[in-house]
C-alpha atoms as a PDB file:
ATOM      1  CA  UNK A   1       4.589   9.163 -11.844  1.00  0.00           C
ATOM      2  CA  UNK A   2       6.874   7.246  -9.405  1.00  0.00           C
ATOM      3  CA  UNK A   3       5.847   4.096  -7.524  1.00  0.00           C
ATOM      4  CA  UNK A   4       5.490   6.199  -4.351  1.00  0.00           C
ATOM      5  CA  UNK A   5       3.153   8.753  -6.012  1.00  0.00           C
ATOM      6  CA  UNK A   6       0.983   5.906  -7.398  1.00  0.00           C
ATOM      7  CA  UNK A   7       0.704   4.191  -4.139  1.00  0.00           C
ATOM      8  CA  UNK A   8       0.010   7.449  -2.289  1.00  0.00           C
ATOM      9  CA  UNK A   9      -2.793   8.197  -4.874  1.00  0.00           C
ATOM     10  CA  UNK A  10      -4.246   4.742  -4.367  1.00  0.00           C
ATOM     11  CA  UNK A  11      -4.336   5.103  -0.578  1.00  0.00           C
ATOM     12  CA  UNK A  12      -5.596   8.657  -0.740  1.00  0.00           C
ATOM     13  CA  UNK A  13      -8.507   7.538  -2.899  1.00  0.00           C
ATOM     14  CA  UNK A  14      -9.530   4.796  -0.330  1.00  0.00           C
ATOM     15  CA  UNK A  15      -9.114   7.376   2.468  1.00  0.00           C
ATOM     16  CA  UNK A  16     -11.104  10.031   0.633  1.00  0.00           C
ATOM     17  CA  UNK A  17      -8.029  12.321   1.042  1.00  0.00           C
ATOM     18  CA  UNK A  18      -5.982  14.452  -1.337  1.00  0.00           C
ATOM     19  CA  UNK A  19      -2.630  12.747  -2.155  1.00  0.00           C
ATOM     20  CA  UNK A  20      -0.794  15.838  -0.646  1.00  0.00           C
ATOM     21  CA  UNK A  21      -2.405  14.887   2.765  1.00  0.00           C
ATOM     22  CA  UNK A  22      -0.852  11.272   2.681  1.00  0.00           C
ATOM     23  CA  UNK A  23       2.554  11.521   4.283  1.00  0.00           C
ATOM     24  CA  UNK A  24       5.062   8.632   3.987  1.00  0.00           C
ATOM     25  CA  UNK A  25       5.282   8.258   7.866  1.00  0.00           C
ATOM     26  CA  UNK A  26       1.568   8.076   8.389  1.00  0.00           C
ATOM     27  CA  UNK A  27      -0.136   4.811   9.314  1.00  0.00           C
ATOM     28  CA  UNK A  28      -3.112   3.388   7.742  1.00  0.00           C
ATOM     29  CA  UNK A  29      -4.947   3.866  10.985  1.00  0.00           C
ATOM     30  CA  UNK A  30      -4.056   7.584  11.123  1.00  0.00           C
ATOM     31  CA  UNK A  31      -5.547   7.890   7.671  1.00  0.00           C
ATOM     32  CA  UNK A  32      -8.745   6.162   8.571  1.00  0.00           C
ATOM     33  CA  UNK A  33      -8.095   3.046   6.420  1.00  0.00           C
ATOM     34  CA  UNK A  34     -10.001   0.196   7.773  1.00  0.00           C
ATOM     35  CA  UNK A  35      -9.459  -3.516   7.014  1.00  0.00           C
ATOM     36  CA  UNK A  36     -11.860  -3.411   3.973  1.00  0.00           C
ATOM     37  CA  UNK A  37     -10.294  -0.232   2.602  1.00  0.00           C
ATOM     38  CA  UNK A  38      -6.881  -1.970   3.088  1.00  0.00           C
ATOM     39  CA  UNK A  39      -7.992  -5.002   1.059  1.00  0.00           C
ATOM     40  CA  UNK A  40      -9.075  -2.493  -1.686  1.00  0.00           C
ATOM     41  CA  UNK A  41      -5.646  -0.863  -1.488  1.00  0.00           C
ATOM     42  CA  UNK A  42      -3.890  -4.179  -1.926  1.00  0.00           C
ATOM     43  CA  UNK A  43      -6.094  -5.144  -4.922  1.00  0.00           C
ATOM     44  CA  UNK A  44      -5.403  -1.738  -6.552  1.00  0.00           C
ATOM     45  CA  UNK A  45      -1.720  -2.005  -5.897  1.00  0.00           C
ATOM     46  CA  UNK A  46      -1.553  -5.530  -7.360  1.00  0.00           C
ATOM     47  CA  UNK A  47      -3.484  -4.328 -10.415  1.00  0.00           C
ATOM     48  CA  UNK A  48      -1.522  -1.015 -10.862  1.00  0.00           C
ATOM     49  CA  UNK A  49       1.953  -2.757 -10.626  1.00  0.00           C
ATOM     50  CA  UNK A  50       1.195  -6.242 -11.804  1.00  0.00           C
ATOM     51  CA  UNK A  51       2.489  -7.802  -8.633  1.00  0.00           C
ATOM     52  CA  UNK A  52       1.285 -10.426  -6.222  1.00  0.00           C
ATOM     53  CA  UNK A  53       1.227  -8.962  -2.604  1.00  0.00           C
ATOM     54  CA  UNK A  54       1.919 -11.611  -0.051  1.00  0.00           C
ATOM     55  CA  UNK A  55      -0.794 -10.259   2.294  1.00  0.00           C
ATOM     56  CA  UNK A  56      -2.929 -12.216   4.701  1.00  0.00           C
ATOM     57  CA  UNK A  57      -6.129 -10.126   5.072  1.00  0.00           C
ATOM     58  CA  UNK A  58      -7.315 -12.292   7.930  1.00  0.00           C
ATOM     59  CA  UNK A  59      -3.965 -11.718   9.948  1.00  0.00           C
ATOM     60  CA  UNK A  60      -2.056  -8.693   8.725  1.00  0.00           C
ATOM     61  CA  UNK A  61       0.582  -9.115  11.492  1.00  0.00           C
ATOM     62  CA  UNK A  62       1.465 -12.599  10.118  1.00  0.00           C
ATOM     63  CA  UNK A  63       2.001 -11.141   6.622  1.00  0.00           C
ATOM     64  CA  UNK A  64       5.255 -10.826   4.917  1.00  0.00           C
ATOM     65  CA  UNK A  65       4.176  -7.411   3.585  1.00  0.00           C
ATOM     66  CA  UNK A  66       4.876  -4.497   5.930  1.00  0.00           C
ATOM     67  CA  UNK A  67       1.817  -2.268   6.406  1.00  0.00           C
ATOM     68  CA  UNK A  68       3.212  -0.356   9.357  1.00  0.00           C
ATOM     69  CA  UNK A  69       3.468   2.913   7.428  1.00  0.00           C
ATOM     70  CA  UNK A  70       2.821   4.314   4.007  1.00  0.00           C
ATOM     71  CA  UNK A  71       6.580   4.332   3.423  1.00  0.00           C
ATOM     72  CA  UNK A  72       6.841   0.634   4.464  1.00  0.00           C
ATOM     73  CA  UNK A  73       4.241  -0.119   1.827  1.00  0.00           C
ATOM     74  CA  UNK A  74       6.051   1.882  -0.835  1.00  0.00           C
ATOM     75  CA  UNK A  75       9.313   0.038   0.181  1.00  0.00           C
ATOM     76  CA  UNK A  76       7.609  -3.409   0.036  1.00  0.00           C
ATOM     77  CA  UNK A  77       5.961  -2.673  -3.394  1.00  0.00           C
ATOM     78  CA  UNK A  78       9.404  -1.378  -4.805  1.00  0.00           C
ATOM     79  CA  UNK A  79      10.928  -4.724  -3.599  1.00  0.00           C
ATOM     80  CA  UNK A  80       8.205  -6.747  -5.259  1.00  0.00           C
ATOM     81  CA  UNK A  81       8.718  -4.813  -8.511  1.00  0.00           C
ATOM     82  CA  UNK A  82      12.587  -5.314  -8.370  1.00  0.00           C
ATOM     83  CA  UNK A  83      12.150  -8.975  -7.639  1.00  0.00           C
ATOM     84  CA  UNK A  84      10.002  -9.348 -10.769  1.00  0.00           C
ATOM     85  CA  UNK A  85      12.825  -7.840 -12.980  1.00  0.00           C
ATOM     86  CA  UNK A  86      15.344 -10.418 -11.815  1.00  0.00           C
END
């Protein structure tokens, strides 16, 4: 299972959707992910990939972690994984 597939599965679970219904260009808002579900997604992503997400739950706009779309989350997690390998 790819990084993208795992992240989509995590987000789908929080949004009570099927993974096939979570498109890369979708926003969290479009999927019905509220702030509490977002925090759960972040925790699940950290656990799944053994990474530390630089995310400020109190001010997501000030975060270094782009949550503007599902694809941006995938890209950010892939970058965190790559940075760990160096």
